[in-house]
C-alpha atoms as a PDB file:
ATOM      1  CA  MET A   1      11.496  65.827 -45.463  1.00  0.00           C
ATOM      2  CA  HIS A   2       9.717  63.637 -47.731  1.00  0.00           C
ATOM      3  CA  HIS A   3       7.212  64.447 -44.717  1.00  0.00           C
ATOM      4  CA  HIS A   4       6.580  68.271 -45.541  1.00  0.00           C
ATOM      5  CA  THR A   5       6.514  67.710 -49.556  1.00  0.00           C
ATOM      6  CA  GLY A   6       4.475  64.089 -49.972  1.00  0.00           C
ATOM      7  CA  HIS A   7       8.315  62.660 -51.726  1.00  0.00           C
ATOM      8  CA  PRO A   8       8.002  58.723 -50.686  1.00  0.00           C
ATOM      9  CA  GLY A   9      10.370  57.713 -47.720  1.00  0.00           C
ATOM     10  CA  VAL A  10      14.260  56.806 -49.898  1.00  0.00           C
ATOM     11  CA  ALA A  11      13.452  52.957 -49.032  1.00  0.00           C
ATOM     12  CA  ALA A  12      10.113  53.049 -50.649  1.00  0.00           C
ATOM     13  CA  TYR A  13      11.016  54.840 -53.768  1.00  0.00           C
ATOM     14  CA  LEU A  14      14.245  52.347 -54.236  1.00  0.00           C
ATOM     15  CA  GLY A  15      11.931  49.252 -54.033  1.00  0.00           C
ATOM     16  CA  MET A  16       9.475  50.511 -56.700  1.00  0.00           C
ATOM     17  CA  TRP A  17      13.171  52.155 -58.888  1.00  0.00           C
ATOM     18  CA  MET A  18      14.447  48.699 -58.989  1.00  0.00           C
ATOM     19  CA  LEU A  19      11.208  47.173 -59.673  1.00  0.00           C
ATOM     20  CA  MET A  20      11.563  48.717 -63.097  1.00  0.00           C
ATOM     21  CA  MET A  21      14.968  48.260 -63.316  1.00  0.00           C
ATOM     22  CA  VAL A  22      15.203  44.823 -62.863  1.00  0.00           C
ATOM     23  CA  PRO A  23      12.681  44.039 -66.158  1.00  0.00           C
ATOM     24  CA  MET A  24      13.975  47.139 -68.081  1.00  0.00           C
ATOM     25  CA  MET A  25      17.368  46.425 -68.486  1.00  0.00           C
ATOM     26  CA  LEU A  26      17.326  42.439 -69.079  1.00  0.00           C
ATOM     27  CA  PRO A  27      16.880  42.139 -71.856  1.00  0.00           C
ATOM     28  CA  SER A  28      20.362  43.457 -72.964  1.00  0.00           C
ATOM     29  CA  LEU A  29      21.777  42.236 -69.604  1.00  0.00           C
ATOM     30  CA  VAL A  30      21.119  38.400 -70.543  1.00  0.00           C
ATOM     31  CA  PRO A  31      23.099  38.009 -72.838  1.00  0.00           C
ATOM     32  CA  VAL A  32      25.921  39.641 -71.179  1.00  0.00           C
ATOM     33  CA  LEU A  33      25.606  36.936 -68.191  1.00  0.00           C
ATOM     34  CA  VAL A  34      25.334  33.983 -70.956  1.00  0.00           C
ATOM     35  CA  ARG A  35      29.126  35.192 -72.065  1.00  0.00           C
ATOM     36  CA  TYR A  36      30.161  35.388 -68.557  1.00  0.00           C
ATOM     37  CA  ARG A  37      28.722  32.187 -67.992  1.00  0.00           C
ATOM     38  CA  ARG A  38      30.531  30.450 -70.968  1.00  0.00           C
ATOM     39  CA  SER A  39      33.917  32.650 -70.360  1.00  0.00           C
ATOM     40  CA  VAL A  40      34.244  31.004 -66.579  1.00  0.00           C
ATOM     41  CA  ARG A  41      36.545  27.431 -66.705  1.00  0.00           C
ATOM     42  CA  GLY A  42      37.518  25.497 -64.343  1.00  0.00           C
ATOM     43  CA  VAL A  43      34.501  25.743 -61.412  1.00  0.00           C
ATOM     44  CA  GLY A  44      32.076  24.131 -60.826  1.00  0.00           C
ATOM     45  CA  GLU A  45      28.698  24.150 -61.958  1.00  0.00           C
ATOM     46  CA  MET A  46      27.025  25.785 -59.112  1.00  0.00           C
ATOM     47  CA  HIS A  47      29.956  27.243 -58.788  1.00  0.00           C
ATOM     48  CA  ALA A  48      29.888  28.951 -61.945  1.00  0.00           C
ATOM     49  CA  TYR A  49      25.898  29.887 -61.721  1.00  0.00           C
ATOM     50  CA  GLY A  50      27.119  31.981 -58.324  1.00  0.00           C
ATOM     51  CA  LEU A  51      29.407  34.250 -59.878  1.00  0.00           C
ATOM     52  CA  THR A  52      26.808  34.626 -62.796  1.00  0.00           C
ATOM     53  CA  GLY A  53      24.285  35.876 -60.372  1.00  0.00           C
ATOM     54  CA  LEU A  54      26.713  38.015 -58.664  1.00  0.00           C
ATOM     55  CA  VAL A  55      28.186  39.784 -61.992  1.00  0.00           C
ATOM     56  CA  MET A  56      24.073  40.714 -62.399  1.00  0.00           C
ATOM     57  CA  ALA A  57      24.699  41.574 -58.755  1.00  0.00           C
ATOM     58  CA  GLY A  58      26.710  44.726 -59.619  1.00  0.00           C
ATOM     59  CA  TYR A  59      24.886  45.456 -62.356  1.00  0.00           C
ATOM     60  CA  PHE A  60      21.895  45.996 -60.365  1.00  0.00           C
ATOM     61  CA  ALA A  61      24.190  48.154 -58.111  1.00  0.00           C
ATOM     62  CA  VAL A  62      25.347  50.647 -60.376  1.00  0.00           C
ATOM     63  CA  TRP A  63      21.929  50.949 -60.702  1.00  0.00           C
ATOM     64  CA  ALA A  64      20.844  50.868 -57.469  1.00  0.00           C
ATOM     65  CA  VAL A  65      23.237  53.747 -56.295  1.00  0.00           C
ATOM     66  CA  ILE A  66      21.514  56.055 -59.170  1.00  0.00           C
ATOM     67  CA  GLY A  67      18.356  55.423 -57.999  1.00  0.00           C
ATOM     68  CA  ILE A  68      18.788  56.937 -54.698  1.00  0.00           C
ATOM     69  CA  GLY A  69      20.220  60.311 -56.410  1.00  0.00           C
ATOM     70  CA  VAL A  70      17.508  60.350 -58.645  1.00  0.00           C
ATOM     71  CA  TRP A  71      15.552  60.291 -54.844  1.00  0.00           C
ATOM     72  CA  VAL A  72      17.188  62.997 -53.406  1.00  0.00           C
ATOM     73  CA  ALA A  73      16.819  65.376 -57.161  1.00  0.00           C
ATOM     74  CA  GLY A  74      13.476  64.351 -56.562  1.00  0.00           C
ATOM     75  CA  ALA A  75      12.819  65.214 -52.885  1.00  0.00           C
ATOM     76  CA  GLY A  76      14.836  68.513 -53.551  1.00  0.00           C
ATOM     77  CA  ILE A  77      13.232  69.788 -56.621  1.00  0.00           C
ATOM     78  CA  LYS A  78      10.388  69.069 -54.456  1.00  0.00           C
ATOM     79  CA  GLU A  79      11.335  71.168 -51.279  1.00  0.00           C
ATOM     80  CA  ALA A  80      12.225  74.008 -53.726  1.00  0.00           C
ATOM     81  CA  GLU A  81       9.515  74.024 -55.246  1.00  0.00           C
ATOM     82  CA  MET A  82       7.683  74.969 -52.245  1.00  0.00           C
ATOM     83  CA  ARG A  83      10.118  77.467 -50.867  1.00  0.00           C
ATOM     84  CA  TRP A  84       9.935  79.240 -54.401  1.00  0.00           C
ATOM     85  CA  GLY A  85       6.345  79.444 -56.574  1.00  0.00           C
ATOM     86  CA  TRP A  86       8.739  80.094 -59.514  1.00  0.00           C
ATOM     87  CA  VAL A  87      10.707  77.617 -59.393  1.00  0.00           C
ATOM     88  CA  GLY A  88       7.368  74.830 -60.617  1.00  0.00           C
ATOM     89  CA  GLU A  89       6.303  77.669 -62.746  1.00  0.00           C
ATOM     90  CA  TRP A  90       9.498  77.347 -64.801  1.00  0.00           C
ATOM     91  CA  LYS A  91       9.686  73.845 -64.962  1.00  0.00           C
ATOM     92  CA  SER A  92       7.966  72.731 -68.061  1.00  0.00           C
ATOM     93  CA  VAL A  93      10.925  74.277 -69.873  1.00  0.00           C
ATOM     94  CA  GLY A  94      13.572  72.382 -67.570  1.00  0.00           C
ATOM     95  CA  VAL A  95      11.655  69.759 -68.962  1.00  0.00           C
ATOM     96  CA  LEU A  96      12.099  70.946 -72.414  1.00  0.00           C
ATOM     97  CA  VAL A  97      15.366  71.220 -72.324  1.00  0.00           C
ATOM     98  CA  VAL A  98      16.487  68.150 -70.864  1.00  0.00           C
ATOM     99  CA  LEU A  99      14.155  66.194 -73.958  1.00  0.00           C
ATOM    100  CA  ILE A 100      16.132  67.773 -76.242  1.00  0.00           C
ATOM    101  CA  LEU A 101      19.323  67.645 -75.536  1.00  0.00           C
ATOM    102  CA  ALA A 102      18.701  64.531 -75.070  1.00  0.00           C
ATOM    103  CA  GLY A 103      17.637  63.670 -78.180  1.00  0.00           C
ATOM    104  CA  MET A 104      21.020  65.145 -79.235  1.00  0.00           C
ATOM    105  CA  VAL A 105      22.785  62.762 -77.436  1.00  0.00           C
ATOM    106  CA  GLN A 106      20.886  59.804 -78.594  1.00  0.00           C
ATOM    107  CA  VAL A 107      22.377  60.801 -82.305  1.00  0.00           C
ATOM    108  CA  SER A 108      25.253  61.838 -81.212  1.00  0.00           C
ATOM    109  CA  GLU A 109      29.131  60.505 -82.577  1.00  0.00           C
ATOM    110  CA  TRP A 110      30.242  60.190 -78.396  1.00  0.00           C
ATOM    111  CA  LYS A 111      27.042  57.692 -77.537  1.00  0.00           C
ATOM    112  CA  ALA A 112      27.712  55.809 -80.493  1.00  0.00           C
ATOM    113  CA  ARG A 113      31.523  55.214 -79.124  1.00  0.00           C
ATOM    114  CA  HIS A 114      30.206  53.896 -75.620  1.00  0.00           C
ATOM    115  CA  LEU A 115      27.132  51.536 -77.727  1.00  0.00           C
ATOM    116  CA  ALA A 116      30.185  50.043 -79.624  1.00  0.00           C
ATOM    117  CA  HIS A 117      32.689  49.995 -75.856  1.00  0.00           C
ATOM    118  CA  TRP A 118      29.139  47.919 -74.765  1.00  0.00           C
ATOM    119  CA  ARG A 119      29.950  45.202 -77.185  1.00  0.00           C
ATOM    120  CA  ARG A 120      33.621  44.705 -76.883  1.00  0.00           C
ATOM    121  CA  MET A 121      33.584  44.585 -73.179  1.00  0.00           C
ATOM    122  CA  GLU A 122      32.579  40.810 -72.398  1.00  0.00           C
ATOM    123  CA  PRO A 123      35.595  39.111 -73.974  1.00  0.00           C
ATOM    124  CA  ALA A 124      36.435  36.380 -71.398  1.00  0.00           C
ATOM    125  CA  GLY A 125      40.003  38.207 -71.480  1.00  0.00           C
ATOM    126  CA  ASP A 126      38.360  41.489 -69.646  1.00  0.00           C
ATOM    127  CA  LEU A 127      37.943  39.232 -66.417  1.00  0.00           C
ATOM    128  CA  THR A 128      40.227  39.331 -63.941  1.00  0.00           C
ATOM    129  CA  GLY A 129      38.712  35.388 -63.677  1.00  0.00           C
ATOM    130  CA  PRO A 130      36.816  33.506 -62.292  1.00  0.00           C
ATOM    131  CA  THR A 131      36.185  35.266 -58.340  1.00  0.00           C
ATOM    132  CA  ILE A 132      34.036  36.581 -56.198  1.00  0.00           C
ATOM    133  CA  PRO A 133      35.549  39.996 -56.336  1.00  0.00           C
ATOM    134  CA  GLY A 134      36.305  39.635 -59.784  1.00  0.00           C
ATOM    135  CA  ALA A 135      32.915  38.469 -60.876  1.00  0.00           C
ATOM    136  CA  PHE A 136      31.227  41.709 -58.867  1.00  0.00           C
ATOM    137  CA  ASN A 137      33.251  43.821 -61.065  1.00  0.00           C
ATOM    138  CA  HIS A 138      32.106  42.695 -64.279  1.00  0.00           C
ATOM    139  CA  GLY A 139      29.073  43.921 -63.094  1.00  0.00           C
ATOM    140  CA  LEU A 140      30.162  46.924 -61.951  1.00  0.00           C
ATOM    141  CA  ARG A 141      31.717  48.104 -64.955  1.00  0.00           C
ATOM    142  CA  ASN A 142      28.688  46.818 -67.012  1.00  0.00           C
ATOM    143  CA  GLY A 143      26.834  49.137 -65.139  1.00  0.00           C
ATOM    144  CA  LEU A 144      28.722  51.281 -65.001  1.00  0.00           C
ATOM    145  CA  GLN A 145      29.292  51.520 -69.326  1.00  0.00           C
ATOM    146  CA  CYS A 146      25.671  51.071 -68.965  1.00  0.00           C
ATOM    147  CA  SER A 147      24.238  54.022 -67.269  1.00  0.00           C
ATOM    148  CA  VAL A 148      27.057  56.166 -69.310  1.00  0.00           C
ATOM    149  CA  SER A 149      24.591  54.887 -71.946  1.00  0.00           C
ATOM    150  CA  CYS A 150      21.610  54.910 -71.903  1.00  0.00           C
ATOM    151  CA  GLY A 151      21.647  57.606 -68.937  1.00  0.00           C
ATOM    152  CA  ASN A 152      19.960  60.252 -71.782  1.00  0.00           C
ATOM    153  CA  LEU A 153      17.235  57.979 -72.277  1.00  0.00           C
ATOM    154  CA  MET A 154      16.124  57.092 -68.366  1.00  0.00           C
ATOM    155  CA  LEU A 155      16.372  61.327 -67.966  1.00  0.00           C
ATOM    156  CA  ALA A 156      13.876  61.675 -70.071  1.00  0.00           C
ATOM    157  CA  LEU A 157      11.938  59.302 -69.034  1.00  0.00           C
ATOM    158  CA  LEU A 158      12.127  59.920 -65.748  1.00  0.00           C
ATOM    159  CA  CYS A 159      11.166  64.313 -67.338  1.00  0.00           C
ATOM    160  CA  ILE A 160       7.863  62.032 -69.297  1.00  0.00           C
ATOM    161  CA  GLY A 161       6.694  60.344 -66.077  1.00  0.00           C
ATOM    162  CA  MET A 162       8.386  56.741 -64.800  1.00  0.00           C
ATOM    163  CA  MET A 163       4.463  55.211 -63.902  1.00  0.00           C
ATOM    164  CA  ASN A 164       3.884  56.148 -67.626  1.00  0.00           C
ATOM    165  CA  VAL A 165       4.295  52.384 -68.909  1.00  0.00           C
ATOM    166  CA  VAL A 166       4.369  53.630 -72.892  1.00  0.00           C
ATOM    167  CA  ALA A 167       7.218  55.338 -72.219  1.00  0.00           C
ATOM    168  CA  MET A 168       8.448  53.051 -70.492  1.00  0.00           C
ATOM    169  CA  VAL A 169       7.959  50.543 -72.744  1.00  0.00           C
ATOM    170  CA  VAL A 170       9.463  52.587 -75.982  1.00  0.00           C
ATOM    171  CA  VAL A 171      12.116  53.163 -73.695  1.00  0.00           C
ATOM    172  CA  THR A 172      13.204  49.602 -72.721  1.00  0.00           C
ATOM    173  CA  ILE A 173      13.405  48.518 -76.431  1.00  0.00           C
ATOM    174  CA  MET A 174      15.346  51.255 -77.083  1.00  0.00           C
ATOM    175  CA  ILE A 175      17.834  50.403 -74.925  1.00  0.00           C
ATOM    176  CA  ALA A 176      17.662  46.861 -75.625  1.00  0.00           C
ATOM    177  CA  ALA A 177      17.542  47.657 -79.750  1.00  0.00           C
ATOM    178  CA  GLU A 178      20.480  49.691 -80.005  1.00  0.00           C
ATOM    179  CA  ARG A 179      22.242  46.691 -77.469  1.00  0.00           C
ATOM    180  CA  LEU A 180      21.684  44.248 -79.086  1.00  0.00           C
ATOM    181  CA  ALA A 181      22.219  45.927 -82.950  1.00  0.00           C
ATOM    182  CA  PRO A 182      25.417  44.567 -84.434  1.00  0.00           C
ATOM    183  CA  THR A 183      28.191  46.591 -84.515  1.00  0.00           C
ATOM    184  CA  GLN A 184      28.063  48.050 -88.364  1.00  0.00           C
ATOM    185  CA  SER A 185      31.160  48.751 -89.818  1.00  0.00           C
ATOM    186  CA  HIS A 186      32.419  51.297 -92.175  1.00  0.00           C
ATOM    187  CA  PRO A 187      34.805  50.407 -94.556  1.00  0.00           C
ATOM    188  CA  PRO A 188      36.822  53.211 -95.734  1.00  0.00           C
ATOM    189  CA  ARG A 189      36.073  55.196 -98.588  1.00  0.00           C
ATOM    190  CA  ASN A 190      38.255  53.951-101.789  1.00  0.00           C
ATOM    191  CA  PRO A 191      39.511  57.315-103.039  1.00  0.00           C
ATOM    192  CA  ALA A 192      39.242  56.482-106.318  1.00  0.00           C
ATOM    193  CA  ARG A 193      35.785  56.681-106.273  1.00  0.00           C
ATOM    194  CA  ARG A 194      34.928  60.013-106.558  1.00  0.00           C
ATOM    195  CA  SER A 195      30.786  61.511-107.415  1.00  0.00           C
ATOM    196  CA  PRO A 196      29.195  62.255-110.275  1.00  0.00           C
ATOM    197  CA  VAL A 197      28.788  65.929-109.893  1.00  0.00           C
ATOM    198  CA  THR A 198      33.192  66.305-109.088  1.00  0.00           C
ATOM    199  CA  THR A 199      33.445  63.956-112.467  1.00  0.00           C
ATOM    200  CA  LEU A 200      32.071  66.889-114.180  1.00  0.00           C
ATOM    201  CA  GLY A 201      33.981  69.369-112.429  1.00  0.00           C
ATOM    202  CA  GLN A 202      36.481  68.026-113.218  1.00  0.00           C
ATOM    203  CA  ARG A 203      35.814  66.850-116.679  1.00  0.00           C
ATOM    204  CA  ARG A 204      35.209  70.813-116.907  1.00  0.00           C
ATOM    205  CA  MET A 205      38.423  71.700-115.995  1.00  0.00           C
ATOM    206  CA  MET A 206      40.700  70.392-117.801  1.00  0.00           C
ATOM    207  CA  PHE A 207      38.282  71.824-120.932  1.00  0.00           C
ATOM    208  CA  HIS A 208      38.628  75.005-119.647  1.00  0.00           C
ATOM    209  CA  SER A 209      42.836  74.604-118.810  1.00  0.00           C
ATOM    210  CA  ASN A 210      42.745  72.615-122.774  1.00  0.00           C
ATOM    211  CA  PRO A 211      40.938  74.699-125.148  1.00  0.00           C
ATOM    212  CA  VAL A 212      41.027  73.196-129.008  1.00  0.00           C
ATOM    213  CA  ARG A 213      42.613  75.888-130.668  1.00  0.00           C
END
């Protein structure tokens, strides 16, 4: 199909996709790999590093599958543009809608919960042990959680253009910053502390209910 639409082949696209994904995701992935390596006990040093490499392989395997999905979607859009001219005319509107939705997700509580879950995924108790399947599955879980929590940013980057270097750098910084930022705990509000407006309103109610005689 790509011969008719000018869309690159899946192998070429996947190669370009992974060349961009690796430097984009490594800043936030390195701490995960370091914590995993420190948690591995009872195996030789080379085996431990090999398991850590499998964690990274599982992580990027998720992004490879996503890249194939993006290629399929892109090829479908190109084909639709060639068959129906109105698809290309409404494409800019669709991009604008996606960017607005991505911005809404960025500031949502839903995304905040997923980021908090990402930061809590690293204790050794979460691992299935220093085994090859356990290491690869740990990478898969981290890759899935990462793709969910930063999917809106990646979707915005796809709309702007993966070849836009400035946009790619900005998205990389945003992904790394929101993952490496410490989780902020919000202490429960003290019911005894009231705002000045609330206090003033209560005093006026007391004055009117107990007039001076």
